[in-house]
mmCIF file of all heavy atoms, coordinates in Angstrom:
data_MODEL
# 
_entry.id   MODEL 
# 
loop_
_atom_site.group_PDB 
_atom_site.id 
_atom_site.type_symbol 
_atom_site.label_atom_id 
_atom_site.label_alt_id 
_atom_site.label_comp_id 
_atom_site.label_asym_id 
_atom_site.label_entity_id 
_atom_site.label_seq_id 
_atom_site.pdbx_PDB_ins_code 
_atom_site.Cartn_x 
_atom_site.Cartn_y 
_atom_site.Cartn_z 
_atom_site.occupancy 
_atom_site.B_iso_or_equiv 
_atom_site.pdbx_formal_charge 
_atom_site.auth_seq_id 
_atom_site.auth_comp_id 
_atom_site.auth_asym_id 
_atom_site.auth_atom_id 
_atom_site.pdbx_PDB_model_num 
ATOM 1   N N   . ASP A 1 1  ? 12.912  -19.736 16.518 1.00 0.00 ? 1  ASP A N   1 
ATOM 2   C CA  . ASP A 1 1  ? 12.781  -19.843 17.971 1.00 0.00 ? 1  ASP A CA  1 
ATOM 3   C C   . ASP A 1 1  ? 12.164  -18.606 18.609 1.00 0.00 ? 1  ASP A C   1 
ATOM 4   O O   . ASP A 1 1  ? 11.998  -18.567 19.836 1.00 0.00 ? 1  ASP A O   1 
ATOM 5   C CB  . ASP A 1 1  ? 14.156  -20.083 18.608 1.00 0.00 ? 1  ASP A CB  1 
ATOM 6   C CG  . ASP A 1 1  ? 14.702  -21.471 18.316 1.00 0.00 ? 1  ASP A CG  1 
ATOM 7   O OD1 . ASP A 1 1  ? 13.893  -22.387 18.082 1.00 0.00 ? 1  ASP A OD1 1 
ATOM 8   O OD2 . ASP A 1 1  ? 15.936  -21.634 18.318 1.00 0.00 ? 1  ASP A OD2 1 
ATOM 9   N N   . ILE A 1 2  ? 11.824  -17.598 17.820 1.00 0.00 ? 2  ILE A N   1 
ATOM 10  C CA  . ILE A 1 2  ? 11.298  -16.363 18.387 1.00 0.00 ? 2  ILE A CA  1 
ATOM 11  C C   . ILE A 1 2  ? 10.030  -16.634 19.182 1.00 0.00 ? 2  ILE A C   1 
ATOM 12  O O   . ILE A 1 2  ? 9.215   -17.495 18.816 1.00 0.00 ? 2  ILE A O   1 
ATOM 13  C CB  . ILE A 1 2  ? 11.024  -15.322 17.280 1.00 0.00 ? 2  ILE A CB  1 
ATOM 14  C CG1 . ILE A 1 2  ? 10.816  -13.927 17.884 1.00 0.00 ? 2  ILE A CG1 1 
ATOM 15  C CG2 . ILE A 1 2  ? 9.835   -15.724 16.415 1.00 0.00 ? 2  ILE A CG2 1 
ATOM 16  C CD1 . ILE A 1 2  ? 10.779  -12.811 16.863 1.00 0.00 ? 2  ILE A CD1 1 
ATOM 17  N N   . ARG A 1 3  ? 9.872   -15.927 20.283 1.00 0.00 ? 3  ARG A N   1 
ATOM 18  C CA  . ARG A 1 3  ? 8.683   -16.087 21.121 1.00 0.00 ? 3  ARG A CA  1 
ATOM 19  C C   . ARG A 1 3  ? 8.030   -14.726 21.284 1.00 0.00 ? 3  ARG A C   1 
ATOM 20  O O   . ARG A 1 3  ? 8.660   -13.773 21.746 1.00 0.00 ? 3  ARG A O   1 
ATOM 21  C CB  . ARG A 1 3  ? 9.053   -16.681 22.480 1.00 0.00 ? 3  ARG A CB  1 
ATOM 22  C CG  . ARG A 1 3  ? 9.645   -18.076 22.378 1.00 0.00 ? 3  ARG A CG  1 
ATOM 23  C CD  . ARG A 1 3  ? 9.865   -18.711 23.729 1.00 0.00 ? 3  ARG A CD  1 
ATOM 24  N NE  . ARG A 1 3  ? 10.714  -17.907 24.595 1.00 0.00 ? 3  ARG A NE  1 
ATOM 25  C CZ  . ARG A 1 3  ? 11.214  -18.333 25.761 1.00 0.00 ? 3  ARG A CZ  1 
ATOM 26  N NH1 . ARG A 1 3  ? 10.937  -19.556 26.193 1.00 0.00 ? 3  ARG A NH1 1 
ATOM 27  N NH2 . ARG A 1 3  ? 11.975  -17.548 26.488 1.00 0.00 ? 3  ARG A NH2 1 
ATOM 28  N N   . LEU A 1 4  ? 6.768   -14.656 20.918 1.00 0.00 ? 4  LEU A N   1 
ATOM 29  C CA  . LEU A 1 4  ? 6.016   -13.414 20.999 1.00 0.00 ? 4  LEU A CA  1 
ATOM 30  C C   . LEU A 1 4  ? 4.798   -13.608 21.878 1.00 0.00 ? 4  LEU A C   1 
ATOM 31  O O   . LEU A 1 4  ? 4.252   -14.713 21.974 1.00 0.00 ? 4  LEU A O   1 
ATOM 32  C CB  . LEU A 1 4  ? 5.562   -12.975 19.603 1.00 0.00 ? 4  LEU A CB  1 
ATOM 33  C CG  . LEU A 1 4  ? 6.636   -12.835 18.530 1.00 0.00 ? 4  LEU A CG  1 
ATOM 34  C CD1 . LEU A 1 4  ? 5.996   -12.524 17.184 1.00 0.00 ? 4  LEU A CD1 1 
ATOM 35  C CD2 . LEU A 1 4  ? 7.637   -11.756 18.912 1.00 0.00 ? 4  LEU A CD2 1 
ATOM 36  N N   . LYS A 1 5  ? 4.376   -12.536 22.516 1.00 0.00 ? 5  LYS A N   1 
ATOM 37  C CA  . LYS A 1 5  ? 3.114   -12.589 23.238 1.00 0.00 ? 5  LYS A CA  1 
ATOM 38  C C   . LYS A 1 5  ? 1.984   -12.837 22.244 1.00 0.00 ? 5  LYS A C   1 
ATOM 39  O O   . LYS A 1 5  ? 2.082   -12.432 21.079 1.00 0.00 ? 5  LYS A O   1 
ATOM 40  C CB  . LYS A 1 5  ? 2.883   -11.268 23.983 1.00 0.00 ? 5  LYS A CB  1 
ATOM 41  C CG  . LYS A 1 5  ? 3.841   -11.028 25.135 1.00 0.00 ? 5  LYS A CG  1 
ATOM 42  C CD  . LYS A 1 5  ? 3.537   -9.712  25.833 1.00 0.00 ? 5  LYS A CD  1 
ATOM 43  C CE  . LYS A 1 5  ? 4.480   -9.477  26.993 1.00 0.00 ? 5  LYS A CE  1 
ATOM 44  N NZ  . LYS A 1 5  ? 4.210   -8.181  27.678 1.00 0.00 ? 5  LYS A NZ  1 
ATOM 45  N N   . PRO A 1 6  ? 0.917   -13.513 22.676 1.00 0.00 ? 6  PRO A N   1 
ATOM 46  C CA  . PRO A 1 6  ? -0.202  -13.751 21.756 1.00 0.00 ? 6  PRO A CA  1 
ATOM 47  C C   . PRO A 1 6  ? -0.714  -12.439 21.171 1.00 0.00 ? 6  PRO A C   1 
ATOM 48  O O   . PRO A 1 6  ? -0.977  -11.480 21.899 1.00 0.00 ? 6  PRO A O   1 
ATOM 49  C CB  . PRO A 1 6  ? -1.254  -14.408 22.657 1.00 0.00 ? 6  PRO A CB  1 
ATOM 50  C CG  . PRO A 1 6  ? -0.474  -15.016 23.775 1.00 0.00 ? 6  PRO A CG  1 
ATOM 51  C CD  . PRO A 1 6  ? 0.682   -14.099 24.012 1.00 0.00 ? 6  PRO A CD  1 
ATOM 52  N N   . THR A 1 7  ? -0.793  -12.383 19.852 1.00 0.00 ? 7  THR A N   1 
ATOM 53  C CA  . THR A 1 7  ? -1.278  -11.180 19.182 1.00 0.00 ? 7  THR A CA  1 
ATOM 54  C C   . THR A 1 7  ? -2.306  -11.546 18.131 1.00 0.00 ? 7  THR A C   1 
ATOM 55  O O   . THR A 1 7  ? -2.260  -12.622 17.545 1.00 0.00 ? 7  THR A O   1 
ATOM 56  C CB  . THR A 1 7  ? -0.125  -10.417 18.502 1.00 0.00 ? 7  THR A CB  1 
ATOM 57  O OG1 . THR A 1 7  ? 0.574   -11.308 17.611 1.00 0.00 ? 7  THR A OG1 1 
ATOM 58  C CG2 . THR A 1 7  ? 0.862   -9.880  19.517 1.00 0.00 ? 7  THR A CG2 1 
ATOM 59  N N   . ASP A 1 8  ? -3.226  -10.636 17.905 1.00 0.00 ? 8  ASP A N   1 
ATOM 60  C CA  . ASP A 1 8  ? -4.244  -10.804 16.879 1.00 0.00 ? 8  ASP A CA  1 
ATOM 61  C C   . ASP A 1 8  ? -3.699  -10.205 15.587 1.00 0.00 ? 8  ASP A C   1 
ATOM 62  O O   . ASP A 1 8  ? -3.690  -8.985  15.406 1.00 0.00 ? 8  ASP A O   1 
ATOM 63  C CB  . ASP A 1 8  ? -5.528  -10.090 17.313 1.00 0.00 ? 8  ASP A CB  1 
ATOM 64  C CG  . ASP A 1 8  ? -6.673  -10.294 16.334 1.00 0.00 ? 8  ASP A CG  1 
ATOM 65  O OD1 . ASP A 1 8  ? -6.415  -10.675 15.176 1.00 0.00 ? 8  ASP A OD1 1 
ATOM 66  O OD2 . ASP A 1 8  ? -7.827  -10.047 16.724 1.00 0.00 ? 8  ASP A OD2 1 
ATOM 67  N N   . GLU A 1 9  ? -3.208  -11.056 14.691 1.00 0.00 ? 9  GLU A N   1 
ATOM 68  C CA  . GLU A 1 9  ? -2.592  -10.555 13.472 1.00 0.00 ? 9  GLU A CA  1 
ATOM 69  C C   . GLU A 1 9  ? -3.589  -9.799  12.600 1.00 0.00 ? 9  GLU A C   1 
ATOM 70  O O   . GLU A 1 9  ? -3.217  -8.843  11.916 1.00 0.00 ? 9  GLU A O   1 
ATOM 71  C CB  . GLU A 1 9  ? -1.950  -11.699 12.689 1.00 0.00 ? 9  GLU A CB  1 
ATOM 72  C CG  . GLU A 1 9  ? -0.783  -12.339 13.417 1.00 0.00 ? 9  GLU A CG  1 
ATOM 73  C CD  . GLU A 1 9  ? 0.108   -13.165 12.504 1.00 0.00 ? 9  GLU A CD  1 
ATOM 74  O OE1 . GLU A 1 9  ? -0.095  -13.139 11.275 1.00 0.00 ? 9  GLU A OE1 1 
ATOM 75  O OE2 . GLU A 1 9  ? 1.016   -13.830 13.028 1.00 0.00 ? 9  GLU A OE2 1 
ATOM 76  N N   . THR A 1 10 ? -4.832  -10.212 12.637 1.00 0.00 ? 10 THR A N   1 
ATOM 77  C CA  . THR A 1 10 ? -5.854  -9.507  11.863 1.00 0.00 ? 10 THR A CA  1 
ATOM 78  C C   . THR A 1 10 ? -6.011  -8.082  12.371 1.00 0.00 ? 10 THR A C   1 
ATOM 79  O O   . THR A 1 10 ? -6.114  -7.131  11.583 1.00 0.00 ? 10 THR A O   1 
ATOM 80  C CB  . THR A 1 10 ? -7.201  -10.243 11.942 1.00 0.00 ? 10 THR A CB  1 
ATOM 81  O OG1 . THR A 1 10 ? -7.041  -11.566 11.430 1.00 0.00 ? 10 THR A OG1 1 
ATOM 82  C CG2 . THR A 1 10 ? -8.261  -9.519  11.123 1.00 0.00 ? 10 THR A CG2 1 
ATOM 83  N N   . PHE A 1 11 ? -5.978  -7.920  13.697 1.00 0.00 ? 11 PHE A N   1 
ATOM 84  C CA  . PHE A 1 11 ? -6.081  -6.586  14.282 1.00 0.00 ? 11 PHE A CA  1 
ATOM 85  C C   . PHE A 1 11 ? -4.881  -5.726  13.900 1.00 0.00 ? 11 PHE A C   1 
ATOM 86  O O   . PHE A 1 11 ? -5.035  -4.554  13.545 1.00 0.00 ? 11 PHE A O   1 
ATOM 87  C CB  . PHE A 1 11 ? -6.178  -6.683  15.809 1.00 0.00 ? 11 PHE A CB  1 
ATOM 88  C CG  . PHE A 1 11 ? -6.059  -5.353  16.505 1.00 0.00 ? 11 PHE A CG  1 
ATOM 89  C CD1 . PHE A 1 11 ? -7.131  -4.478  16.555 1.00 0.00 ? 11 PHE A CD1 1 
ATOM 90  C CD2 . PHE A 1 11 ? -4.853  -4.972  17.100 1.00 0.00 ? 11 PHE A CD2 1 
ATOM 91  C CE1 . PHE A 1 11 ? -7.021  -3.240  17.181 1.00 0.00 ? 11 PHE A CE1 1 
ATOM 92  C CE2 . PHE A 1 11 ? -4.737  -3.738  17.734 1.00 0.00 ? 11 PHE A CE2 1 
ATOM 93  C CZ  . PHE A 1 11 ? -5.818  -2.871  17.766 1.00 0.00 ? 11 PHE A CZ  1 
ATOM 94  N N   . ILE A 1 12 ? -3.674  -6.304  13.968 1.00 0.00 ? 12 ILE A N   1 
ATOM 95  C CA  . ILE A 1 12 ? -2.474  -5.551  13.602 1.00 0.00 ? 12 ILE A CA  1 
ATOM 96  C C   . ILE A 1 12 ? -2.552  -5.081  12.156 1.00 0.00 ? 12 ILE A C   1 
ATOM 97  O O   . ILE A 1 12 ? -2.254  -3.920  11.844 1.00 0.00 ? 12 ILE A O   1 
ATOM 98  C CB  . ILE A 1 12 ? -1.212  -6.409  13.820 1.00 0.00 ? 12 ILE A CB  1 
ATOM 99  C CG1 . ILE A 1 12 ? -0.996  -6.668  15.320 1.00 0.00 ? 12 ILE A CG1 1 
ATOM 100 C CG2 . ILE A 1 12 ? 0.021   -5.728  13.218 1.00 0.00 ? 12 ILE A CG2 1 
ATOM 101 C CD1 . ILE A 1 12 ? 0.158   -7.606  15.622 1.00 0.00 ? 12 ILE A CD1 1 
ATOM 102 N N   . CYS A 1 13 ? -2.982  -5.961  11.270 1.00 0.00 ? 13 CYS A N   1 
ATOM 103 C CA  . CYS A 1 13 ? -3.077  -5.593  9.852  1.00 0.00 ? 13 CYS A CA  1 
ATOM 104 C C   . CYS A 1 13 ? -4.156  -4.543  9.610  1.00 0.00 ? 13 CYS A C   1 
ATOM 105 O O   . CYS A 1 13 ? -3.958  -3.617  8.806  1.00 0.00 ? 13 CYS A O   1 
ATOM 106 C CB  . CYS A 1 13 ? -3.355  -6.836  9.004  1.00 0.00 ? 13 CYS A CB  1 
ATOM 107 S SG  . CYS A 1 13 ? -1.957  -7.977  8.900  1.00 0.00 ? 13 CYS A SG  1 
ATOM 108 N N   . ARG A 1 14 ? -5.280  -4.656  10.323 1.00 0.00 ? 14 ARG A N   1 
ATOM 109 C CA  . ARG A 1 14 ? -6.340  -3.653  10.174 1.00 0.00 ? 14 ARG A CA  1 
ATOM 110 C C   . ARG A 1 14 ? -5.856  -2.285  10.634 1.00 0.00 ? 14 ARG A C   1 
ATOM 111 O O   . ARG A 1 14 ? -6.140  -1.266  9.997  1.00 0.00 ? 14 ARG A O   1 
ATOM 112 C CB  . ARG A 1 14 ? -7.584  -4.058  10.971 1.00 0.00 ? 14 ARG A CB  1 
ATOM 113 C CG  . ARG A 1 14 ? -8.473  -5.076  10.284 1.00 0.00 ? 14 ARG A CG  1 
ATOM 114 C CD  . ARG A 1 14 ? -9.893  -5.020  10.833 1.00 0.00 ? 14 ARG A CD  1 
ATOM 115 N NE  . ARG A 1 14 ? -9.933  -5.115  12.283 1.00 0.00 ? 14 ARG A NE  1 
ATOM 116 C CZ  . ARG A 1 14 ? -10.128 -6.250  12.954 1.00 0.00 ? 14 ARG A CZ  1 
ATOM 117 N NH1 . ARG A 1 14 ? -10.301 -7.372  12.289 1.00 0.00 ? 14 ARG A NH1 1 
ATOM 118 N NH2 . ARG A 1 14 ? -10.171 -6.253  14.267 1.00 0.00 ? 14 ARG A NH2 1 
ATOM 119 N N   . ARG A 1 15 ? -5.116  -2.271  11.745 1.00 0.00 ? 15 ARG A N   1 
ATOM 120 C CA  . ARG A 1 15 ? -4.604  -0.994  12.245 1.00 0.00 ? 15 ARG A CA  1 
ATOM 121 C C   . ARG A 1 15 ? -3.582  -0.403  11.280 1.00 0.00 ? 15 ARG A C   1 
ATOM 122 O O   . ARG A 1 15 ? -3.590  0.800   11.017 1.00 0.00 ? 15 ARG A O   1 
ATOM 123 C CB  . ARG A 1 15 ? -3.984  -1.170  13.631 1.00 0.00 ? 15 ARG A CB  1 
ATOM 124 C CG  . ARG A 1 15 ? -3.575  0.167   14.252 1.00 0.00 ? 15 ARG A CG  1 
ATOM 125 C CD  . ARG A 1 15 ? -3.136  0.036   15.676 1.00 0.00 ? 15 ARG A CD  1 
ATOM 126 N NE  . ARG A 1 15 ? -1.898  -0.723  15.796 1.00 0.00 ? 15 ARG A NE  1 
ATOM 127 C CZ  . ARG A 1 15 ? -1.173  -0.780  16.911 1.00 0.00 ? 15 ARG A CZ  1 
ATOM 128 N NH1 . ARG A 1 15 ? -1.597  -0.148  18.000 1.00 0.00 ? 15 ARG A NH1 1 
ATOM 129 N NH2 . ARG A 1 15 ? -0.064  -1.480  16.964 1.00 0.00 ? 15 ARG A NH2 1 
ATOM 130 N N   . LEU A 1 16 ? -2.698  -1.245  10.755 1.00 0.00 ? 16 LEU A N   1 
ATOM 131 C CA  . LEU A 1 16 ? -1.723  -0.759  9.779  1.00 0.00 ? 16 LEU A CA  1 
ATOM 132 C C   . LEU A 1 16 ? -2.409  -0.229  8.529  1.00 0.00 ? 16 LEU A C   1 
ATOM 133 O O   . LEU A 1 16 ? -2.001  0.793   7.960  1.00 0.00 ? 16 LEU A O   1 
ATOM 134 C CB  . LEU A 1 16 ? -0.743  -1.876  9.409  1.00 0.00 ? 16 LEU A CB  1 
ATOM 135 C CG  . LEU A 1 16 ? 0.337   -2.203  10.443 1.00 0.00 ? 16 LEU A CG  1 
ATOM 136 C CD1 . LEU A 1 16 ? 1.069   -3.481  10.062 1.00 0.00 ? 16 LEU A CD1 1 
ATOM 137 C CD2 . LEU A 1 16 ? 1.312   -1.052  10.576 1.00 0.00 ? 16 LEU A CD2 1 
ATOM 138 N N   . GLN A 1 17 ? -3.453  -0.925  8.105  1.00 0.00 ? 17 GLN A N   1 
ATOM 139 C CA  . GLN A 1 17 ? -4.194  -0.473  6.925  1.00 0.00 ? 17 GLN A CA  1 
ATOM 140 C C   . GLN A 1 17 ? -4.820  0.897   7.181  1.00 0.00 ? 17 GLN A C   1 
ATOM 141 O O   . GLN A 1 17 ? -4.797  1.777   6.314  1.00 0.00 ? 17 GLN A O   1 
ATOM 142 C CB  . GLN A 1 17 ? -5.262  -1.494  6.563  1.00 0.00 ? 17 GLN A CB  1 
ATOM 143 C CG  . GLN A 1 17 ? -5.968  -1.208  5.246  1.00 0.00 ? 17 GLN A CG  1 
ATOM 144 C CD  . GLN A 1 17 ? -6.875  -2.354  4.839  1.00 0.00 ? 17 GLN A CD  1 
ATOM 145 O OE1 . GLN A 1 17 ? -7.329  -3.139  5.674  1.00 0.00 ? 17 GLN A OE1 1 
ATOM 146 N NE2 . GLN A 1 17 ? -7.137  -2.481  3.544  1.00 0.00 ? 17 GLN A NE2 1 
ATOM 147 N N   . PHE A 1 18 ? -5.368  1.079   8.379  1.00 0.00 ? 18 PHE A N   1 
ATOM 148 C CA  . PHE A 1 18 ? -5.958  2.373   8.715  1.00 0.00 ? 18 PHE A CA  1 
ATOM 149 C C   . PHE A 1 18 ? -4.894  3.462   8.775  1.00 0.00 ? 18 PHE A C   1 
ATOM 150 O O   . PHE A 1 18 ? -5.053  4.538   8.199  1.00 0.00 ? 18 PHE A O   1 
ATOM 151 C CB  . PHE A 1 18 ? -6.689  2.286   10.056 1.00 0.00 ? 18 PHE A CB  1 
ATOM 152 C CG  . PHE A 1 18 ? -7.101  3.630   10.591 1.00 0.00 ? 18 PHE A CG  1 
ATOM 153 C CD1 . PHE A 1 18 ? -8.196  4.296   10.067 1.00 0.00 ? 18 PHE A CD1 1 
ATOM 154 C CD2 . PHE A 1 18 ? -6.366  4.238   11.607 1.00 0.00 ? 18 PHE A CD2 1 
ATOM 155 C CE1 . PHE A 1 18 ? -8.560  5.554   10.541 1.00 0.00 ? 18 PHE A CE1 1 
ATOM 156 C CE2 . PHE A 1 18 ? -6.724  5.484   12.089 1.00 0.00 ? 18 PHE A CE2 1 
ATOM 157 C CZ  . PHE A 1 18 ? -7.823  6.142   11.550 1.00 0.00 ? 18 PHE A CZ  1 
ATOM 158 N N   . LEU A 1 19 ? -3.798  3.191   9.489  1.00 0.00 ? 19 LEU A N   1 
ATOM 159 C CA  . LEU A 1 19 ? -2.747  4.185   9.604  1.00 0.00 ? 19 LEU A CA  1 
ATOM 160 C C   . LEU A 1 19 ? -2.182  4.556   8.234  1.00 0.00 ? 19 LEU A C   1 
ATOM 161 O O   . LEU A 1 19 ? -1.933  5.731   7.937  1.00 0.00 ? 19 LEU A O   1 
ATOM 162 C CB  . LEU A 1 19 ? -1.626  3.672   10.518 1.00 0.00 ? 19 LEU A CB  1 
ATOM 163 C CG  . LEU A 1 19 ? -1.981  3.500   11.994 1.00 0.00 ? 19 LEU A CG  1 
ATOM 164 C CD1 . LEU A 1 19 ? -0.848  2.803   12.743 1.00 0.00 ? 19 LEU A CD1 1 
ATOM 165 C CD2 . LEU A 1 19 ? -2.308  4.842   12.643 1.00 0.00 ? 19 LEU A CD2 1 
ATOM 166 N N   . GLY A 1 20 ? -2.012  3.557   7.387  1.00 0.00 ? 20 GLY A N   1 
ATOM 167 C CA  . GLY A 1 20 ? -1.495  3.807   6.047  1.00 0.00 ? 20 GLY A CA  1 
ATOM 168 C C   . GLY A 1 20 ? -2.442  4.594   5.164  1.00 0.00 ? 20 GLY A C   1 
ATOM 169 O O   . GLY A 1 20 ? -2.014  5.253   4.216  1.00 0.00 ? 20 GLY A O   1 
ATOM 170 N N   . SER A 1 21 ? -3.737  4.544   5.487  1.00 0.00 ? 21 SER A N   1 
ATOM 171 C CA  . SER A 1 21 ? -4.706  5.318   4.707  1.00 0.00 ? 21 SER A CA  1 
ATOM 172 C C   . SER A 1 21 ? -4.672  6.800   5.082  1.00 0.00 ? 21 SER A C   1 
ATOM 173 O O   . SER A 1 21 ? -5.179  7.642   4.336  1.00 0.00 ? 21 SER A O   1 
ATOM 174 C CB  . SER A 1 21 ? -6.115  4.762   4.926  1.00 0.00 ? 21 SER A CB  1 
ATOM 175 O OG  . SER A 1 21 ? -6.586  5.041   6.240  1.00 0.00 ? 21 SER A OG  1 
ATOM 176 N N   . ARG A 1 22 ? -4.104  7.118   6.233  1.00 0.00 ? 22 ARG A N   1 
ATOM 177 C CA  . ARG A 1 22 ? -4.023  8.496   6.701  1.00 0.00 ? 22 ARG A CA  1 
ATOM 178 C C   . ARG A 1 22 ? -2.599  9.061   6.610  1.00 0.00 ? 22 ARG A C   1 
ATOM 179 O O   . ARG A 1 22 ? -2.420  10.262  6.406  1.00 0.00 ? 22 ARG A O   1 
ATOM 180 C CB  . ARG A 1 22 ? -4.491  8.577   8.166  1.00 0.00 ? 22 ARG A CB  1 
ATOM 181 C CG  . ARG A 1 22 ? -5.956  8.206   8.381  1.00 0.00 ? 22 ARG A CG  1 
ATOM 182 C CD  . ARG A 1 22 ? -6.869  9.350   7.976  1.00 0.00 ? 22 ARG A CD  1 
ATOM 183 N NE  . ARG A 1 22 ? -8.252  9.077   8.320  1.00 0.00 ? 22 ARG A NE  1 
ATOM 184 C CZ  . ARG A 1 22 ? -9.185  8.677   7.471  1.00 0.00 ? 22 ARG A CZ  1 
ATOM 185 N NH1 . ARG A 1 22 ? -8.851  8.482   6.192  1.00 0.00 ? 22 ARG A NH1 1 
ATOM 186 N NH2 . ARG A 1 22 ? -10.417 8.473   7.861  1.00 0.00 ? 22 ARG A NH2 1 
ATOM 187 N N   . ILE A 1 23 ? -1.606  8.183   6.793  1.00 0.00 ? 23 ILE A N   1 
ATOM 188 C CA  . ILE A 1 23 ? -0.202  8.599   6.842  1.00 0.00 ? 23 ILE A CA  1 
ATOM 189 C C   . ILE A 1 23 ? 0.531   7.947   5.667  1.00 0.00 ? 23 ILE A C   1 
ATOM 190 O O   . ILE A 1 23 ? 0.493   6.727   5.517  1.00 0.00 ? 23 ILE A O   1 
ATOM 191 C CB  . ILE A 1 23 ? 0.439   8.181   8.177  1.00 0.00 ? 23 ILE A CB  1 
ATOM 192 C CG1 . ILE A 1 23 ? -0.318  8.803   9.351  1.00 0.00 ? 23 ILE A CG1 1 
ATOM 193 C CG2 . ILE A 1 23 ? 1.910   8.569   8.223  1.00 0.00 ? 23 ILE A CG2 1 
ATOM 194 C CD1 . ILE A 1 23 ? 0.124   8.280   10.717 1.00 0.00 ? 23 ILE A CD1 1 
ATOM 195 N N   . LYS A 1 24 ? 1.212   8.748   4.876  1.00 0.00 ? 24 LYS A N   1 
ATOM 196 C CA  . LYS A 1 24 ? 1.870   8.217   3.671  1.00 0.00 ? 24 LYS A CA  1 
ATOM 197 C C   . LYS A 1 24 ? 3.178   7.493   3.982  1.00 0.00 ? 24 LYS A C   1 
ATOM 198 O O   . LYS A 1 24 ? 3.533   6.534   3.285  1.00 0.00 ? 24 LYS A O   1 
ATOM 199 C CB  . LYS A 1 24 ? 2.150   9.351   2.687  1.00 0.00 ? 24 LYS A CB  1 
ATOM 200 C CG  . LYS A 1 24 ? 0.917   9.972   2.064  1.00 0.00 ? 24 LYS A CG  1 
ATOM 201 C CD  . LYS A 1 24 ? 1.313   11.055  1.071  1.00 0.00 ? 24 LYS A CD  1 
ATOM 202 C CE  . LYS A 1 24 ? 0.078   11.671  0.416  1.00 0.00 ? 24 LYS A CE  1 
ATOM 203 N NZ  . LYS A 1 24 ? 0.453   12.725  -0.572 1.00 0.00 ? 24 LYS A NZ  1 
ATOM 204 N N   . THR A 1 25 ? 3.896   7.943   4.995  1.00 0.00 ? 25 THR A N   1 
ATOM 205 C CA  . THR A 1 25 ? 5.271   7.477   5.196  1.00 0.00 ? 25 THR A CA  1 
ATOM 206 C C   . THR A 1 25 ? 5.455   6.789   6.540  1.00 0.00 ? 25 THR A C   1 
ATOM 207 O O   . THR A 1 25 ? 5.100   7.337   7.582  1.00 0.00 ? 25 THR A O   1 
ATOM 208 C CB  . THR A 1 25 ? 6.256   8.660   5.109  1.00 0.00 ? 25 THR A CB  1 
ATOM 209 O OG1 . THR A 1 25 ? 6.070   9.328   3.863  1.00 0.00 ? 25 THR A OG1 1 
ATOM 210 C CG2 . THR A 1 25 ? 7.692   8.179   5.217  1.00 0.00 ? 25 THR A CG2 1 
ATOM 211 N N   . ALA A 1 26 ? 6.025   5.593   6.480  1.00 0.00 ? 26 ALA A N   1 
ATOM 212 C CA  . ALA A 1 26 ? 6.421   4.875   7.689  1.00 0.00 ? 26 ALA A CA  1 
ATOM 213 C C   . ALA A 1 26 ? 7.931   4.934   7.818  1.00 0.00 ? 26 ALA A C   1 
ATOM 214 O O   . ALA A 1 26 ? 8.657   5.041   6.824  1.00 0.00 ? 26 ALA A O   1 
ATOM 215 C CB  . ALA A 1 26 ? 5.956   3.424   7.633  1.00 0.00 ? 26 ALA A CB  1 
# 
């Protein structure tokens, strides 16, 4: 039943991929 604002999942994953390439630890 969760409701989220419309998000671009591809964009979120691309940003996470970039951040992970620079930062080792989340």
